[in-house]
PDB file of N, CA and C in Angstrom:
ATOM      1  N   UNK A   1     104.749-118.273  16.860  1.00  0.00           N
ATOM      2  CA  UNK A   1     103.382-118.792  16.636  1.00  0.00           C
ATOM      3  C   UNK A   1     102.529-118.249  17.445  1.00  0.00           C
ATOM      4  N   UNK A   2     102.587-117.673  18.757  1.00  0.00           N
ATOM      5  CA  UNK A   2     102.108-117.395  19.949  1.00  0.00           C
ATOM      6  C   UNK A   2     100.709-116.597  19.884  1.00  0.00           C
ATOM      7  N   UNK A   3     101.479-115.593  19.419  1.00  0.00           N
ATOM      8  CA  UNK A   3     100.601-114.357  18.432  1.00  0.00           C
ATOM      9  C   UNK A   3      99.472-115.472  17.664  1.00  0.00           C
ATOM     10  N   UNK A   4      99.672-115.907  16.337  1.00  0.00           N
ATOM     11  CA  UNK A   4      98.552-116.518  16.165  1.00  0.00           C
ATOM     12  C   UNK A   4      97.190-117.630  16.987  1.00  0.00           C
ATOM     13  N   UNK A   5      98.278-118.349  18.157  1.00  0.00           N
ATOM     14  CA  UNK A   5      97.647-119.032  18.760  1.00  0.00           C
ATOM     15  C   UNK A   5      96.415-118.548  19.593  1.00  0.00           C
ATOM     16  N   UNK A   6      97.038-117.527  19.830  1.00  0.00           N
ATOM     17  CA  UNK A   6      95.787-116.758  21.275  1.00  0.00           C
ATOM     18  C   UNK A   6      94.996-115.758  19.528  1.00  0.00           C
ATOM     19  N   UNK A   7      94.740-115.792  19.415  1.00  0.00           N
ATOM     20  CA  UNK A   7      93.673-114.979  18.183  1.00  0.00           C
ATOM     21  C   UNK A   7      93.000-116.300  17.613  1.00  0.00           C
ATOM     22  N   UNK A   8      93.800-117.564  17.056  1.00  0.00           N
ATOM     23  CA  UNK A   8      93.043-118.778  16.912  1.00  0.00           C
ATOM     24  C   UNK A   8      92.015-119.158  18.052  1.00  0.00           C
ATOM     25  N   UNK A   9      92.423-118.805  19.396  1.00  0.00           N
ATOM     26  CA  UNK A   9      92.132-119.198  20.527  1.00  0.00           C
ATOM     27  C   UNK A   9      90.657-118.554  20.510  1.00  0.00           C
ATOM     28  N   UNK A  10      90.498-117.313  20.253  1.00  0.00           N
ATOM     29  CA  UNK A  10      89.463-116.450  20.497  1.00  0.00           C
ATOM     30  C   UNK A  10      88.511-116.315  19.071  1.00  0.00           C
ATOM     31  N   UNK A  11      88.898-117.213  18.499  1.00  0.00           N
ATOM     32  CA  UNK A  11      87.888-117.778  16.956  1.00  0.00           C
ATOM     33  C   UNK A  11      87.436-119.185  17.486  1.00  0.00           C
ATOM     34  N   UNK A  12      87.550-119.689  18.266  1.00  0.00           N
ATOM     35  CA  UNK A  12      87.544-121.350  18.878  1.00  0.00           C
ATOM     36  C   UNK A  12      85.763-121.560  18.503  1.00  0.00           C
ATOM     37  N   UNK A  13      85.331-120.631  19.582  1.00  0.00           N
ATOM     38  CA  UNK A  13      83.467-120.847  19.705  1.00  0.00           C
ATOM     39  C   UNK A  13      82.957-120.559  18.088  1.00  0.00           C
ATOM     40  N   UNK A  14      83.421-119.741  17.203  1.00  0.00           N
ATOM     41  CA  UNK A  14      82.833-119.924  15.757  1.00  0.00           C
ATOM     42  C   UNK A  14      82.970-121.280  14.956  1.00  0.00           C
ATOM     43  N   UNK A  15      83.784-122.403  15.731  1.00  0.00           N
ATOM     44  CA  UNK A  15      84.272-123.626  15.309  1.00  0.00           C
ATOM     45  C   UNK A  15      83.127-124.408  15.408  1.00  0.00           C
ATOM     46  N   UNK A  16      82.580-124.301  16.693  1.00  0.00           N
ATOM     47  CA  UNK A  16      81.431-125.420  16.943  1.00  0.00           C
ATOM     48  C   UNK A  16      80.627-125.861  16.002  1.00  0.00           C
ATOM     49  N   UNK A  17      80.592-127.724  16.035  1.00  0.00           N
ATOM     50  CA  UNK A  17      80.082-128.236  14.721  1.00  0.00           C
ATOM     51  C   UNK A  17      80.770-128.576  13.477  1.00  0.00           C
ATOM     52  N   UNK A  18      81.950-128.206  13.415  1.00  0.00           N
ATOM     53  CA  UNK A  18      82.960-128.151  12.072  1.00  0.00           C
ATOM     54  C   UNK A  18      82.788-129.681  12.137  1.00  0.00           C
ATOM     55  N   UNK A  19      83.063-130.294  13.831  1.00  0.00           N
ATOM     56  CA  UNK A  19      82.668-131.985  13.369  1.00  0.00           C
ATOM     57  C   UNK A  19      83.969-132.620  12.842  1.00  0.00           C
ATOM     58  N   UNK A  20      85.308-132.338  12.861  1.00  0.00           N
ATOM     59  CA  UNK A  20      86.306-132.660  12.300  1.00  0.00           C
ATOM     60  C   UNK A  20      87.440-132.306  13.522  1.00  0.00           C
ATOM     61  N   UNK A  21      88.876-132.746  13.079  1.00  0.00           N
ATOM     62  CA  UNK A  21      90.469-132.480  13.586  1.00  0.00           C
ATOM     63  C   UNK A  21      91.063-131.354  12.357  1.00  0.00           C
ATOM     64  N   UNK A  22      91.472-130.400  12.893  1.00  0.00           N
ATOM     65  CA  UNK A  22      91.980-129.621  11.720  1.00  0.00           C
ATOM     66  C   UNK A  22      93.278-128.994  11.745  1.00  0.00           C
ATOM     67  N   UNK A  23      94.386-129.077  11.409  1.00  0.00           N
ATOM     68  CA  UNK A  23      95.428-129.058  11.524  1.00  0.00           C
ATOM     69  C   UNK A  23      95.992-127.725  10.700  1.00  0.00           C
ATOM     70  N   UNK A  24      96.806-126.620  11.336  1.00  0.00           N
ATOM     71  CA  UNK A  24      97.577-125.777  10.403  1.00  0.00           C
ATOM     72  C   UNK A  24      99.096-125.827  10.914  1.00  0.00           C
ATOM     73  N   UNK A  25      99.989-126.483   9.094  1.00  0.00           N
ATOM     74  CA  UNK A  25     100.853-126.918   9.801  1.00  0.00           C
ATOM     75  C   UNK A  25     101.990-125.303   8.783  1.00  0.00           C
ATOM     76  N   UNK A  26     102.933-124.624   9.151  1.00  0.00           N
ATOM     77  CA  UNK A  26     103.628-124.403   9.019  1.00  0.00           C
ATOM     78  C   UNK A  26     105.072-124.091   8.752  1.00  0.00           C
ATOM     79  N   UNK A  27     105.372-125.938   8.830  1.00  0.00           N
ATOM     80  CA  UNK A  27     106.834-126.336   8.794  1.00  0.00           C
ATOM     81  C   UNK A  27     107.352-126.046   9.602  1.00  0.00           C
ATOM     82  N   UNK A  28     108.782-125.654   9.835  1.00  0.00           N
ATOM     83  CA  UNK A  28     109.435-125.432  10.782  1.00  0.00           C
ATOM     84  C   UNK A  28     109.095-124.403  11.714  1.00  0.00           C
ATOM     85  N   UNK A  29     107.958-123.636  11.222  1.00  0.00           N
ATOM     86  CA  UNK A  29     107.511-122.650  11.879  1.00  0.00           C
ATOM     87  C   UNK A  29     106.734-123.092  13.641  1.00  0.00           C
ATOM     88  N   UNK A  30     106.139-124.692  13.249  1.00  0.00           N
ATOM     89  CA  UNK A  30     105.421-125.357  14.067  1.00  0.00           C
ATOM     90  C   UNK A  30     103.983-125.392  13.364  1.00  0.00           C
ATOM     91  N   UNK A  31     103.289-125.746  14.059  1.00  0.00           N
ATOM     92  CA  UNK A  31     101.813-125.945  13.491  1.00  0.00           C
ATOM     93  C   UNK A  31     100.777-126.001  14.958  1.00  0.00           C
ATOM     94  N   UNK A  32      99.466-125.821  14.613  1.00  0.00           N
ATOM     95  CA  UNK A  32      98.341-125.711  15.440  1.00  0.00           C
ATOM     96  C   UNK A  32      97.101-126.640  15.228  1.00  0.00           C
ATOM     97  N   UNK A  33      96.750-127.490  16.452  1.00  0.00           N
ATOM     98  CA  UNK A  33      95.641-128.402  15.838  1.00  0.00           C
ATOM     99  C   UNK A  33      94.550-127.840  16.231  1.00  0.00           C
ATOM    100  N   UNK A  34      93.409-127.972  15.518  1.00  0.00           N
ATOM    101  CA  UNK A  34      91.818-128.069  16.455  1.00  0.00           C
ATOM    102  C   UNK A  34      91.133-128.738  16.041  1.00  0.00           C
ATOM    103  N   UNK A  35      90.768-129.526  18.183  1.00  0.00           N
ATOM    104  CA  UNK A  35      89.504-130.690  17.552  1.00  0.00           C
ATOM    105  C   UNK A  35      88.495-130.132  17.880  1.00  0.00           C
ATOM    106  N   UNK A  36      87.662-130.319  17.027  1.00  0.00           N
ATOM    107  CA  UNK A  36      86.248-128.940  16.985  1.00  0.00           C
ATOM    108  C   UNK A  36      85.186-130.290  16.562  1.00  0.00           C
ATOM    109  N   UNK A  37      85.541-131.863  17.846  1.00  0.00           N
ATOM    110  CA  UNK A  37      85.002-133.059  17.550  1.00  0.00           C
ATOM    111  C   UNK A  37      83.639-132.824  18.429  1.00  0.00           C
ATOM    112  N   UNK A  38      84.122-132.049  19.087  1.00  0.00           N
ATOM    113  CA  UNK A  38      83.510-132.529  20.854  1.00  0.00           C
ATOM    114  C   UNK A  38      82.565-130.950  20.792  1.00  0.00           C
ATOM    115  N   UNK A  39      82.076-131.068  21.863  1.00  0.00           N
ATOM    116  CA  UNK A  39      80.954-129.663  22.529  1.00  0.00           C
ATOM    117  C   UNK A  39      81.776-128.757  22.143  1.00  0.00           C
ATOM    118  N   UNK A  40      82.938-128.485  22.642  1.00  0.00           N
ATOM    119  CA  UNK A  40      83.874-127.554  23.064  1.00  0.00           C
ATOM    120  C   UNK A  40      85.191-127.946  22.064  1.00  0.00           C
ATOM    121  N   UNK A  41      85.521-126.820  21.113  1.00  0.00           N
ATOM    122  CA  UNK A  41      86.463-127.523  20.627  1.00  0.00           C
ATOM    123  C   UNK A  41      87.929-126.788  20.959  1.00  0.00           C
ATOM    124  N   UNK A  42      88.908-127.505  21.063  1.00  0.00           N
ATOM    125  CA  UNK A  42      90.069-127.862  21.370  1.00  0.00           C
ATOM    126  C   UNK A  42      91.397-127.341  20.925  1.00  0.00           C
ATOM    127  N   UNK A  43      92.399-126.576  21.137  1.00  0.00           N
ATOM    128  CA  UNK A  43      93.505-126.397  20.127  1.00  0.00           C
ATOM    129  C   UNK A  43      94.788-126.756  20.930  1.00  0.00           C
ATOM    130  N   UNK A  44      95.536-127.216  20.289  1.00  0.00           N
ATOM    131  CA  UNK A  44      96.617-128.277  20.609  1.00  0.00           C
ATOM    132  C   UNK A  44      98.341-128.050  20.300  1.00  0.00           C
ATOM    133  N   UNK A  45      99.049-128.616  20.232  1.00  0.00           N
ATOM    134  CA  UNK A  45     100.002-128.531  19.271  1.00  0.00           C
ATOM    135  C   UNK A  45     100.661-130.149  19.264  1.00  0.00           C
ATOM    136  N   UNK A  46      99.365-130.837  19.379  1.00  0.00           N
ATOM    137  CA  UNK A  46      99.197-132.190  18.800  1.00  0.00           C
ATOM    138  C   UNK A  46      99.941-133.042  17.967  1.00  0.00           C
ATOM    139  N   UNK A  47     100.821-134.328  17.331  1.00  0.00           N
ATOM    140  CA  UNK A  47     100.646-134.125  15.840  1.00  0.00           C
ATOM    141  C   UNK A  47      99.568-134.333  15.031  1.00  0.00           C
ATOM    142  N   UNK A  48      99.835-133.566  14.047  1.00  0.00           N
ATOM    143  CA  UNK A  48      98.974-132.969  12.987  1.00  0.00           C
ATOM    144  C   UNK A  48      98.444-134.657  12.072  1.00  0.00           C
ATOM    145  N   UNK A  49      99.030-135.260  12.020  1.00  0.00           N
ATOM    146  CA  UNK A  49      99.145-136.586  10.864  1.00  0.00           C
ATOM    147  C   UNK A  49      97.819-137.034  11.037  1.00  0.00           C
ATOM    148  N   UNK A  50      96.941-137.055  12.449  1.00  0.00           N
ATOM    149  CA  UNK A  50      95.895-137.447  12.362  1.00  0.00           C
ATOM    150  C   UNK A  50      94.478-136.646  12.330  1.00  0.00           C
ATOM    151  N   UNK A  51      94.641-135.542  11.571  1.00  0.00           N
ATOM    152  CA  UNK A  51      93.843-134.635  11.926  1.00  0.00           C
ATOM    153  C   UNK A  51      92.678-134.551   9.892  1.00  0.00           C
ATOM    154  N   UNK A  52      91.348-135.041   9.782  1.00  0.00           N
ATOM    155  CA  UNK A  52      90.741-134.802   9.069  1.00  0.00           C
ATOM    156  C   UNK A  52      91.331-133.938   7.953  1.00  0.00           C
ATOM    157  N   UNK A  53      91.840-133.058   8.413  1.00  0.00           N
ATOM    158  CA  UNK A  53      92.152-131.510   7.159  1.00  0.00           C
ATOM    159  C   UNK A  53      93.529-131.275   7.820  1.00  0.00           C
ATOM    160  N   UNK A  54      94.486-131.161   6.743  1.00  0.00           N
ATOM    161  CA  UNK A  54      95.885-130.813   7.185  1.00  0.00           C
ATOM    162  C   UNK A  54      95.922-129.496   6.371  1.00  0.00           C
ATOM    163  N   UNK A  55      95.965-127.839   6.887  1.00  0.00           N
ATOM    164  CA  UNK A  55      96.174-126.348   6.201  1.00  0.00           C
ATOM    165  C   UNK A  55      97.771-126.184   5.806  1.00  0.00           C
ATOM    166  N   UNK A  56      98.243-127.050   4.717  1.00  0.00           N
ATOM    167  CA  UNK A  56      99.847-126.485   4.559  1.00  0.00           C
ATOM    168  C   UNK A  56      99.760-125.219   4.056  1.00  0.00           C
ATOM    169  N   UNK A  57     100.433-123.986   5.435  1.00  0.00           N
ATOM    170  CA  UNK A  57     100.335-122.585   4.477  1.00  0.00           C
ATOM    171  C   UNK A  57     101.960-122.216   5.944  1.00  0.00           C
ATOM    172  N   UNK A  58     102.487-120.913   4.888  1.00  0.00           N
ATOM    173  CA  UNK A  58     103.785-120.430   5.698  1.00  0.00           C
ATOM    174  C   UNK A  58     103.147-119.189   6.969  1.00  0.00           C
ATOM    175  N   UNK A  59     104.013-119.227   7.946  1.00  0.00           N
ATOM    176  CA  UNK A  59     103.113-118.617   8.853  1.00  0.00           C
ATOM    177  C   UNK A  59     103.271-117.047   9.065  1.00  0.00           C
ATOM    178  N   UNK A  60     103.703-116.553   8.005  1.00  0.00           N
ATOM    179  CA  UNK A  60     103.219-115.008   7.623  1.00  0.00           C
ATOM    180  C   UNK A  60     101.824-114.837   7.237  1.00  0.00           C
ATOM    181  N   UNK A  61     101.496-115.757   5.653  1.00  0.00           N
ATOM    182  CA  UNK A  61      99.970-116.380   5.200  1.00  0.00           C
ATOM    183  C   UNK A  61      99.089-116.485   6.172  1.00  0.00           C
ATOM    184  N   UNK A  62      99.070-117.403   7.335  1.00  0.00           N
ATOM    185  CA  UNK A  62      98.395-117.311   8.148  1.00  0.00           C
ATOM    186  C   UNK A  62      98.142-116.326   9.238  1.00  0.00           C
ATOM    187  N   UNK A  63      98.845-115.653   9.564  1.00  0.00           N
ATOM    188  CA  UNK A  63      98.824-114.748  10.224  1.00  0.00           C
ATOM    189  C   UNK A  63      97.791-113.348   9.410  1.00  0.00           C
ATOM    190  N   UNK A  64      97.481-113.795   7.828  1.00  0.00           N
ATOM    191  CA  UNK A  64      96.631-112.715   7.247  1.00  0.00           C
ATOM    192  C   UNK A  64      95.619-113.137   7.259  1.00  0.00           C
ATOM    193  N   UNK A  65      95.429-114.710   7.021  1.00  0.00           N
ATOM    194  CA  UNK A  65      94.289-115.535   6.424  1.00  0.00           C
ATOM    195  C   UNK A  65      93.512-115.442   8.143  1.00  0.00           C
ATOM    196  N   UNK A  66      93.868-114.984   9.006  1.00  0.00           N
ATOM    197  CA  UNK A  66      93.026-115.523  10.269  1.00  0.00           C
ATOM    198  C   UNK A  66      92.701-113.505  10.232  1.00  0.00           C
ATOM    199  N   UNK A  67      93.123-112.912  10.179  1.00  0.00           N
ATOM    200  CA  UNK A  67      92.803-111.541  10.179  1.00  0.00           C
ATOM    201  C   UNK A  67      92.631-111.317   9.652  1.00  0.00           C
ATOM    202  N   UNK A  68      91.982-111.979   8.425  1.00  0.00           N
ATOM    203  CA  UNK A  68      90.866-111.328   7.506  1.00  0.00           C
ATOM    204  C   UNK A  68      91.238-110.733   6.593  1.00  0.00           C
ATOM    205  N   UNK A  69      93.301-111.136   6.115  1.00  0.00           N
ATOM    206  CA  UNK A  69      93.301-110.188   5.145  1.00  0.00           C
ATOM    207  C   UNK A  69      94.027-111.166   3.693  1.00  0.00           C
ATOM    208  N   UNK A  70      93.703-112.371   3.897  1.00  0.00           N
ATOM    209  CA  UNK A  70      94.022-112.682   2.677  1.00  0.00           C
ATOM    210  C   UNK A  70      93.065-113.903   2.491  1.00  0.00           C
ATOM    211  N   UNK A  71      92.359-113.840   1.197  1.00  0.00           N
ATOM    212  CA  UNK A  71      90.765-114.900   1.213  1.00  0.00           C
ATOM    213  C   UNK A  71      91.013-116.304   1.439  1.00  0.00           C
ATOM    214  N   UNK A  72      90.586-117.172   1.776  1.00  0.00           N
ATOM    215  CA  UNK A  72      91.050-118.755   1.736  1.00  0.00           C
ATOM    216  C   UNK A  72      91.136-119.297   0.447  1.00  0.00           C
ATOM    217  N   UNK A  73      90.446-118.381  -0.717  1.00  0.00           N
ATOM    218  CA  UNK A  73      90.403-119.683  -2.158  1.00  0.00           C
ATOM    219  C   UNK A  73      91.324-119.257  -3.172  1.00  0.00           C
ATOM    220  N   UNK A  74      91.621-117.544  -2.659  1.00  0.00           N
ATOM    221  CA  UNK A  74      92.653-116.789  -3.068  1.00  0.00           C
ATOM    222  C   UNK A  74      93.930-117.444  -3.132  1.00  0.00           C
ATOM    223  N   UNK A  75      94.275-117.807  -1.640  1.00  0.00           N
ATOM    224  CA  UNK A  75      95.699-118.339  -1.266  1.00  0.00           C
ATOM    225  C   UNK A  75      95.827-119.839  -1.669  1.00  0.00           C
ATOM    226  N   UNK A  76      94.465-120.661  -1.913  1.00  0.00           N
ATOM    227  CA  UNK A  76      94.329-121.982  -2.529  1.00  0.00           C
ATOM    228  C   UNK A  76      94.998-121.643  -4.007  1.00  0.00           C
ATOM    229  N   UNK A  77      94.193-120.652  -4.392  1.00  0.00           N
ATOM    230  CA  UNK A  77      94.261-120.976  -5.986  1.00  0.00           C
ATOM    231  C   UNK A  77      96.346-120.450  -6.386  1.00  0.00           C
ATOM    232  N   UNK A  78      96.072-119.360  -5.500  1.00  0.00           N
ATOM    233  CA  UNK A  78      97.997-119.021  -5.770  1.00  0.00           C
ATOM    234  C   UNK A  78      98.732-119.852  -5.081  1.00  0.00           C
ATOM    235  N   UNK A  79      98.209-121.140  -4.417  1.00  0.00           N
ATOM    236  CA  UNK A  79      99.487-121.797  -3.821  1.00  0.00           C
ATOM    237  C   UNK A  79      99.951-121.479  -2.589  1.00  0.00           C
ATOM    238  N   UNK A  80      99.447-120.511  -1.896  1.00  0.00           N
ATOM    239  CA  UNK A  80      99.708-119.870  -0.951  1.00  0.00           C
ATOM    240  C   UNK A  80      99.118-121.766   0.435  1.00  0.00           C
ATOM    241  N   UNK A  81      98.284-121.879  -0.127  1.00  0.00           N
ATOM    242  CA  UNK A  81      97.802-122.452   1.045  1.00  0.00           C
ATOM    243  C   UNK A  81      97.669-123.483   0.251  1.00  0.00           C
ATOM    244  N   UNK A  82      98.121-124.844   1.473  1.00  0.00           N
ATOM    245  CA  UNK A  82      97.635-126.599   0.308  1.00  0.00           C
ATOM    246  C   UNK A  82      97.367-127.311   1.427  1.00  0.00           C
ATOM    247  N   UNK A  83      96.194-127.972   0.843  1.00  0.00           N
ATOM    248  CA  UNK A  83      95.214-129.125   1.958  1.00  0.00           C
ATOM    249  C   UNK A  83      95.413-130.663   1.562  1.00  0.00           C
ATOM    250  N   UNK A  84      95.477-130.911   2.579  1.00  0.00           N
ATOM    251  CA  UNK A  84      95.854-132.429   2.483  1.00  0.00           C
ATOM    252  C   UNK A  84      94.700-133.346   3.269  1.00  0.00           C
ATOM    253  N   UNK A  85      93.808-133.706   2.783  1.00  0.00           N
ATOM    254  CA  UNK A  85      92.426-134.846   3.730  1.00  0.00           C
ATOM    255  C   UNK A  85      91.476-133.692   2.821  1.00  0.00           C
ATOM    256  N   UNK A  86      90.594-133.630   3.938  1.00  0.00           N
ATOM    257  CA  UNK A  86      89.220-133.552   3.373  1.00  0.00           C
ATOM    258  C   UNK A  86      88.910-132.288   2.402  1.00  0.00           C
ATOM    259  N   UNK A  87      88.526-131.605   1.793  1.00  0.00           N
ATOM    260  CA  UNK A  87      88.107-130.020   1.010  1.00  0.00           C
ATOM    261  C   UNK A  87      87.298-130.098   1.757  1.00  0.00           C
ATOM    262  N   UNK A  88      86.402-130.959   2.115  1.00  0.00           N
ATOM    263  CA  UNK A  88      84.443-130.537   2.469  1.00  0.00           C
ATOM    264  C   UNK A  88      85.051-129.812   4.039  1.00  0.00           C
ATOM    265  N   UNK A  89      85.785-130.499   4.595  1.00  0.00           N
ATOM    266  CA  UNK A  89      86.134-129.792   6.310  1.00  0.00           C
ATOM    267  C   UNK A  89      87.097-128.407   5.841  1.00  0.00           C
ATOM    268  N   UNK A  90      87.605-128.222   4.748  1.00  0.00           N
ATOM    269  CA  UNK A  90      88.256-126.988   5.059  1.00  0.00           C
ATOM    270  C   UNK A  90      87.401-125.922   4.261  1.00  0.00           C
ATOM    271  N   UNK A  91      86.552-126.406   3.669  1.00  0.00           N
ATOM    272  CA  UNK A  91      85.539-125.198   2.866  1.00  0.00           C
ATOM    273  C   UNK A  91      84.875-124.574   3.910  1.00  0.00           C
ATOM    274  N   UNK A  92      84.305-125.911   5.305  1.00  0.00           N
ATOM    275  CA  UNK A  92      83.432-125.462   6.280  1.00  0.00           C
ATOM    276  C   UNK A  92      83.889-124.988   7.113  1.00  0.00           C
ATOM    277  N   UNK A  93      85.416-125.234   7.110  1.00  0.00           N
ATOM    278  CA  UNK A  93      86.349-123.849   8.383  1.00  0.00           C
ATOM    279  C   UNK A  93      86.308-123.103   7.802  1.00  0.00           C
ATOM    280  N   UNK A  94      86.401-122.235   6.332  1.00  0.00           N
ATOM    281  CA  UNK A  94      86.830-120.679   5.624  1.00  0.00           C
ATOM    282  C   UNK A  94      85.618-120.239   5.935  1.00  0.00           C
ATOM    283  N   UNK A  95      84.036-121.144   5.782  1.00  0.00           N
ATOM    284  CA  UNK A  95      83.188-120.118   5.793  1.00  0.00           C
ATOM    285  C   UNK A  95      82.958-120.294   7.402  1.00  0.00           C
ATOM    286  N   UNK A  96      83.343-120.731   8.443  1.00  0.00           N
ATOM    287  CA  UNK A  96      83.019-120.814  10.194  1.00  0.00           C
ATOM    288  C   UNK A  96      83.760-119.593  10.454  1.00  0.00           C
ATOM    289  N   UNK A  97      85.053-119.119   9.531  1.00  0.00           N
ATOM    290  CA  UNK A  97      85.663-117.970  10.263  1.00  0.00           C
ATOM    291  C   UNK A  97      85.628-116.989   9.626  1.00  0.00           C
ATOM    292  N   UNK A  98      84.815-117.170   8.278  1.00  0.00           N
ATOM    293  CA  UNK A  98      84.363-115.253   7.864  1.00  0.00           C
ATOM    294  C   UNK A  98      83.490-114.660   8.641  1.00  0.00           C
TER     295      UNK A  98
END
């Protein structure tokens, strides 16, 4: 997960204005929580259960998603990405990472 974490850290400035807490849940591989409610988005491995939106995805698919090699809508349609919580936050996150 360290390589994914570094890539996500590079993209944090793009998430200013998201005004939400988002978690990527990769099951046994771990999770990443992004708190974009303040002026500067922060990343942690806090408990993801309090997130506004939890994206359940396998680690390999998350790597593809972050690299731009997997379309979020396609991943959702194919069942590779499951969303728990706010669909609006998920849609906004997707557009901010393009």
